[in-house]
C-alpha cells in the first residue's frame, strides 16, 4: 500500500503559502485563531498543507460586507485585551493614573 504524500511546512514556508508574515502566524498561534499546527519539538512548529488549505477556505468571502470572523474564532478588536481588568491596579478596565500624572494631564487640557 502506498502512503499518500503529505506536504508539511515550517512557519516561514506556511506564512509564504498563506501570503502572511511569519510573525503573523506566530501571533495567530498565540491567540488561537490561526490554522491548525503540530509541534515536532519545543521550538519546531509544523503546518500540514491540508490544514492551511482548510483554514484559508473557511475564510473565503464574496463581499466585504460579509461577517468578518469565522464563528469558531475569538477576535481581539481595537485593543480590547487592554481594556480588560487584569490586576487590582485597574478599575473597570481603565488603568489607574498616578496623582502626579493626573495633575499633568489636567494642566495640559486647560486652555
N, C-alpha and C. Protein backbone atom coordinates (compact mmCIF):
# COMPACT_ATOMS: atom_id res chain seq x y z
N UNK A 1 0.84 -1.17 0.00
CA UNK A 1 0.00 0.00 0.00
C UNK A 1 0.89 1.24 0.00
N UNK A 2 0.57 2.17 -0.85
CA UNK A 2 1.37 3.39 -0.96
C UNK A 2 0.79 4.48 -0.08
N UNK A 3 1.65 5.14 0.66
CA UNK A 3 1.23 6.21 1.56
C UNK A 3 0.99 7.50 0.76
N UNK A 4 -0.12 8.16 1.05
CA UNK A 4 -0.42 9.43 0.37
C UNK A 4 0.62 10.46 0.79
N UNK A 5 1.07 11.23 -0.17
CA UNK A 5 2.09 12.23 0.12
C UNK A 5 1.47 13.40 0.90
N UNK A 6 2.06 13.68 2.03
CA UNK A 6 1.59 14.79 2.86
C UNK A 6 2.67 15.87 2.86
N UNK A 7 2.27 17.08 2.52
CA UNK A 7 3.22 18.18 2.46
C UNK A 7 3.10 18.99 3.75
N UNK A 8 4.24 19.19 4.40
CA UNK A 8 4.29 19.96 5.63
C UNK A 8 5.18 21.18 5.44
N UNK A 9 4.87 22.24 6.17
CA UNK A 9 5.64 23.48 6.13
C UNK A 9 6.06 23.87 7.53
N UNK A 10 7.25 24.44 7.64
CA UNK A 10 7.63 25.13 8.87
C UNK A 10 6.98 26.51 8.80
N UNK A 11 7.09 27.31 9.85
CA UNK A 11 6.40 28.60 9.91
C UNK A 11 6.71 29.52 8.73
N UNK A 12 7.97 29.74 8.33
CA UNK A 12 8.21 30.64 7.20
C UNK A 12 7.57 30.15 5.90
N UNK A 13 7.61 28.85 5.65
CA UNK A 13 7.00 28.30 4.45
C UNK A 13 5.48 28.39 4.47
N UNK A 14 4.89 28.14 5.65
CA UNK A 14 3.44 28.25 5.79
C UNK A 14 2.99 29.70 5.62
N UNK A 15 3.76 30.62 6.17
CA UNK A 15 3.44 32.04 6.04
C UNK A 15 3.50 32.45 4.57
N UNK A 16 4.51 31.99 3.87
CA UNK A 16 4.64 32.29 2.45
C UNK A 16 3.46 31.70 1.66
N UNK A 17 3.09 30.48 1.99
CA UNK A 17 1.97 29.81 1.32
C UNK A 17 0.66 30.59 1.52
N UNK A 18 0.47 31.13 2.73
CA UNK A 18 -0.76 31.89 3.04
C UNK A 18 -0.63 33.37 2.72
N UNK A 19 0.54 33.78 2.24
CA UNK A 19 0.84 35.17 1.92
C UNK A 19 0.71 36.06 3.17
N UNK A 20 1.28 35.58 4.26
CA UNK A 20 1.32 36.32 5.52
C UNK A 20 2.76 36.39 5.99
N UNK A 21 3.01 37.21 6.98
CA UNK A 21 4.34 37.29 7.58
C UNK A 21 4.48 36.17 8.63
N UNK A 22 5.69 35.64 8.81
CA UNK A 22 5.89 34.63 9.84
C UNK A 22 5.47 35.11 11.23
N UNK A 23 5.66 36.41 11.51
CA UNK A 23 5.25 36.93 12.82
C UNK A 23 3.73 36.91 12.97
N UNK A 24 3.01 37.06 11.87
CA UNK A 24 1.55 36.97 11.91
C UNK A 24 1.12 35.55 12.26
N UNK A 25 1.80 34.57 11.69
CA UNK A 25 1.49 33.18 12.01
C UNK A 25 1.73 32.91 13.50
N UNK A 26 2.82 33.46 14.04
CA UNK A 26 3.13 33.27 15.46
C UNK A 26 2.06 33.92 16.34
N UNK A 27 1.61 35.11 15.96
CA UNK A 27 0.57 35.80 16.74
C UNK A 27 -0.74 35.03 16.69
N UNK A 28 -1.07 34.48 15.52
CA UNK A 28 -2.31 33.71 15.40
C UNK A 28 -2.23 32.43 16.23
N UNK A 29 -1.04 31.81 16.30
CA UNK A 29 -0.88 30.63 17.17
C UNK A 29 -1.13 31.01 18.61
N UNK A 30 -0.61 32.15 19.03
CA UNK A 30 -0.76 32.59 20.42
C UNK A 30 -2.23 32.86 20.74
N UNK A 31 -2.95 33.53 19.82
CA UNK A 31 -4.35 33.86 20.04
C UNK A 31 -5.28 32.67 19.83
N UNK A 32 -4.82 31.69 19.05
CA UNK A 32 -5.64 30.52 18.78
C UNK A 32 -6.57 30.69 17.60
N UNK A 33 -6.33 31.68 16.73
CA UNK A 33 -7.23 31.89 15.60
C UNK A 33 -6.56 31.59 14.26
N UNK A 34 -5.45 30.90 14.28
CA UNK A 34 -4.75 30.57 13.04
C UNK A 34 -5.04 29.14 12.63
N UNK A 35 -4.34 28.68 11.60
CA UNK A 35 -4.53 27.29 11.14
C UNK A 35 -3.99 26.30 12.17
N UNK A 36 -4.50 25.08 12.10
CA UNK A 36 -4.04 24.02 12.99
C UNK A 36 -2.56 23.75 12.72
N UNK A 37 -1.83 23.40 13.77
CA UNK A 37 -0.40 23.13 13.63
C UNK A 37 0.00 22.00 14.57
N UNK A 38 1.19 21.48 14.36
CA UNK A 38 1.74 20.43 15.21
C UNK A 38 3.08 20.92 15.74
N UNK A 39 3.47 20.38 16.89
CA UNK A 39 4.78 20.69 17.46
C UNK A 39 5.65 19.45 17.32
N UNK A 40 6.77 19.60 16.61
CA UNK A 40 7.69 18.49 16.43
C UNK A 40 8.84 18.57 17.42
N UNK A 41 8.84 19.56 18.25
CA UNK A 41 9.86 19.78 19.26
C UNK A 41 9.50 21.05 20.02
N UNK A 42 10.30 21.43 21.00
CA UNK A 42 9.98 22.61 21.79
C UNK A 42 9.83 23.89 20.96
N UNK A 43 10.60 24.00 19.88
CA UNK A 43 10.56 25.22 19.07
C UNK A 43 10.27 24.95 17.60
N UNK A 44 9.83 23.74 17.30
CA UNK A 44 9.59 23.37 15.90
C UNK A 44 8.08 23.26 15.67
N UNK A 45 7.55 24.17 14.86
CA UNK A 45 6.13 24.20 14.53
C UNK A 45 5.97 23.74 13.08
N UNK A 46 5.02 22.84 12.85
CA UNK A 46 4.79 22.29 11.52
C UNK A 46 3.32 22.45 11.16
N UNK A 47 3.08 22.94 9.96
CA UNK A 47 1.73 23.09 9.43
C UNK A 47 1.54 22.10 8.28
N UNK A 48 0.43 21.38 8.27
CA UNK A 48 0.11 20.50 7.14
C UNK A 48 -0.57 21.34 6.06
N UNK A 49 -0.23 21.06 4.82
CA UNK A 49 -0.81 21.83 3.72
C UNK A 49 -2.34 21.73 3.72
N UNK A 50 -2.86 20.56 4.05
CA UNK A 50 -4.32 20.37 4.09
C UNK A 50 -4.96 21.28 5.14
N UNK A 51 -4.28 21.47 6.28
CA UNK A 51 -4.81 22.36 7.33
C UNK A 51 -4.77 23.82 6.87
N UNK A 52 -3.71 24.20 6.17
CA UNK A 52 -3.62 25.57 5.65
C UNK A 52 -4.72 25.82 4.62
N UNK A 53 -4.94 24.84 3.73
CA UNK A 53 -5.99 24.98 2.72
C UNK A 53 -7.36 25.08 3.37
N UNK A 54 -7.62 24.26 4.39
CA UNK A 54 -8.92 24.29 5.08
C UNK A 54 -9.12 25.62 5.79
N UNK A 55 -8.07 26.12 6.43
CA UNK A 55 -8.16 27.40 7.14
C UNK A 55 -8.43 28.55 6.16
N UNK A 56 -7.74 28.54 5.04
CA UNK A 56 -7.97 29.58 4.04
C UNK A 56 -9.37 29.48 3.44
N UNK A 57 -9.84 28.26 3.18
CA UNK A 57 -11.17 28.07 2.60
C UNK A 57 -12.26 28.54 3.57
N UNK A 58 -12.04 28.36 4.87
CA UNK A 58 -13.04 28.78 5.86
C UNK A 58 -13.15 30.31 5.94
N UNK A 59 -12.15 31.00 5.45
CA UNK A 59 -12.16 32.46 5.50
C UNK A 59 -12.45 33.10 4.14
N UNK A 60 -12.87 32.31 3.22
CA UNK A 60 -13.19 32.82 1.88
C UNK A 60 -14.46 33.66 1.94
N UNK A 61 -14.44 34.81 1.28
CA UNK A 61 -15.58 35.73 1.29
C UNK A 61 -15.89 36.17 -0.13
N UNK A 62 -17.14 36.55 -0.36
CA UNK A 62 -17.57 37.07 -1.65
C UNK A 62 -17.79 38.57 -1.62
N UNK A 63 -17.88 39.13 -0.42
CA UNK A 63 -18.17 40.55 -0.28
C UNK A 63 -17.52 41.08 0.99
N UNK A 64 -17.15 42.33 0.98
CA UNK A 64 -16.57 42.94 2.18
C UNK A 64 -17.61 43.17 3.26
N UNK A 65 -18.90 43.08 2.92
CA UNK A 65 -19.94 43.29 3.92
C UNK A 65 -20.31 41.99 4.65
N UNK A 66 -19.71 40.88 4.28
CA UNK A 66 -19.98 39.62 4.97
C UNK A 66 -19.36 39.65 6.35
N UNK A 67 -19.87 38.80 7.24
CA UNK A 67 -19.35 38.69 8.60
C UNK A 67 -17.86 38.42 8.54
N UNK A 68 -17.08 39.21 9.27
CA UNK A 68 -15.62 39.16 9.17
C UNK A 68 -14.99 37.90 9.73
N UNK A 69 -15.37 37.52 10.92
CA UNK A 69 -14.68 36.44 11.61
C UNK A 69 -15.43 35.12 11.45
N UNK A 70 -14.66 34.07 11.32
CA UNK A 70 -15.27 32.75 11.30
C UNK A 70 -15.90 32.51 12.67
N UNK A 71 -17.00 31.77 12.75
CA UNK A 71 -17.69 31.60 14.02
C UNK A 71 -16.85 30.92 15.09
N UNK A 72 -15.81 30.20 14.71
CA UNK A 72 -15.02 29.48 15.70
C UNK A 72 -13.80 30.27 16.19
N UNK A 73 -13.70 31.54 15.83
CA UNK A 73 -12.55 32.33 16.25
C UNK A 73 -12.96 33.39 17.24
N UNK A 74 -12.02 33.79 18.08
CA UNK A 74 -12.26 34.88 19.02
C UNK A 74 -11.43 36.06 18.53
N UNK A 75 -12.08 37.09 18.09
CA UNK A 75 -11.37 38.25 17.55
C UNK A 75 -11.06 39.22 18.68
N UNK A 76 -9.87 39.74 18.65
CA UNK A 76 -9.48 40.81 19.56
C UNK A 76 -9.46 42.06 18.71
N UNK A 77 -10.41 42.92 18.95
CA UNK A 77 -10.55 44.10 18.13
C UNK A 77 -10.21 45.35 18.90
N UNK A 78 -9.56 46.27 18.23
CA UNK A 78 -9.27 47.60 18.76
C UNK A 78 -8.61 47.55 20.13
N UNK A 79 -7.76 46.58 20.34
CA UNK A 79 -7.04 46.51 21.60
C UNK A 79 -7.92 46.19 22.78
N UNK A 80 -9.01 45.45 22.58
CA UNK A 80 -9.93 45.17 23.67
C UNK A 80 -9.26 44.40 24.80
N UNK A 81 -8.18 43.68 24.48
CA UNK A 81 -7.49 42.95 25.54
C UNK A 81 -6.90 43.90 26.57
N UNK A 82 -6.56 45.12 26.15
CA UNK A 82 -6.02 46.09 27.09
C UNK A 82 -7.10 46.69 27.98
N UNK A 83 -8.36 46.55 27.60
CA UNK A 83 -9.45 47.15 28.36
C UNK A 83 -10.03 46.21 29.40
N UNK A 84 -9.47 45.02 29.53
CA UNK A 84 -9.97 44.06 30.48
C UNK A 84 -9.18 44.18 31.77
N UNK A 85 -9.86 44.30 32.91
CA UNK A 85 -9.13 44.41 34.17
C UNK A 85 -8.28 43.16 34.38
N UNK A 86 -7.02 43.35 34.70
CA UNK A 86 -6.15 42.21 34.88
C UNK A 86 -5.45 42.22 36.23
N UNK A 87 -5.60 43.29 36.99
CA UNK A 87 -4.96 43.35 38.28
C UNK A 87 -5.72 44.31 39.17
N UNK A 88 -5.41 44.33 40.46
CA UNK A 88 -6.08 45.26 41.35
C UNK A 88 -5.76 46.72 41.03
N UNK A 89 -4.77 46.97 40.19
CA UNK A 89 -4.40 48.34 39.84
C UNK A 89 -5.31 48.94 38.78
N UNK A 90 -6.33 48.20 38.36
CA UNK A 90 -7.23 48.73 37.34
C UNK A 90 -8.64 48.77 37.88
N UNK A 91 -9.42 49.73 37.42
CA UNK A 91 -10.83 49.84 37.80
C UNK A 91 -11.64 49.88 36.52
N UNK A 92 -12.58 48.96 36.41
CA UNK A 92 -13.48 48.91 35.26
C UNK A 92 -12.72 48.95 33.94
N UNK A 93 -11.54 48.30 33.90
CA UNK A 93 -10.79 48.21 32.66
C UNK A 93 -9.94 49.42 32.33
N UNK A 94 -10.01 50.48 33.15
CA UNK A 94 -9.22 51.67 32.88
C UNK A 94 -8.01 51.67 33.81
N UNK A 95 -6.81 51.80 33.26
CA UNK A 95 -5.62 51.81 34.12
C UNK A 95 -5.66 52.98 35.09
N UNK A 96 -5.18 52.74 36.30
CA UNK A 96 -5.08 53.79 37.30
C UNK A 96 -3.99 54.77 36.87
N UNK A 97 -4.20 56.03 37.12
CA UNK A 97 -3.22 57.06 36.79
C UNK A 97 -2.73 57.66 38.08
N UNK A 98 -1.43 57.82 38.17
CA UNK A 98 -0.86 58.37 39.40
C UNK A 98 -1.33 59.81 39.59
N UNK A 99 -1.37 60.29 40.84
CA UNK A 99 -1.81 61.67 41.09
C UNK A 99 -0.95 62.69 40.35
N UNK A 100 0.36 62.43 40.24
CA UNK A 100 1.23 63.35 39.52
C UNK A 100 0.83 63.43 38.05
N UNK A 101 0.50 62.29 37.47
CA UNK A 101 0.11 62.25 36.06
C UNK A 101 -1.25 62.94 35.87
N UNK A 102 -2.16 62.78 36.85
CA UNK A 102 -3.45 63.43 36.75
C UNK A 102 -3.29 64.95 36.72
N UNK A 103 -2.37 65.48 37.55
CA UNK A 103 -2.13 66.92 37.58
C UNK A 103 -1.57 67.36 36.23
N UNK A 104 -0.60 66.61 35.69
CA UNK A 104 -0.02 66.95 34.39
C UNK A 104 -1.09 66.95 33.31
N UNK A 105 -1.95 65.90 33.31
CA UNK A 105 -2.99 65.81 32.30
C UNK A 105 -3.99 66.95 32.42
N UNK A 106 -4.35 67.33 33.64
CA UNK A 106 -5.32 68.40 33.81
C UNK A 106 -4.72 69.74 33.38
N UNK A 107 -3.44 69.93 33.60
CA UNK A 107 -2.79 71.18 33.17
C UNK A 107 -2.71 71.23 31.64
N UNK A 108 -2.49 70.11 31.02
CA UNK A 108 -2.36 70.07 29.58
C UNK A 108 -3.70 70.36 28.90
N UNK A 109 -4.80 69.95 29.51
CA UNK A 109 -6.12 70.13 28.91
C UNK A 109 -6.67 71.54 29.12
N UNK A 110 -6.14 72.26 30.08
CA UNK A 110 -6.65 73.61 30.36
C UNK A 110 -6.20 74.56 29.26
N UNK A 111 -7.17 75.33 28.68
CA UNK A 111 -6.79 76.25 27.58
C UNK A 111 -5.99 77.43 28.06
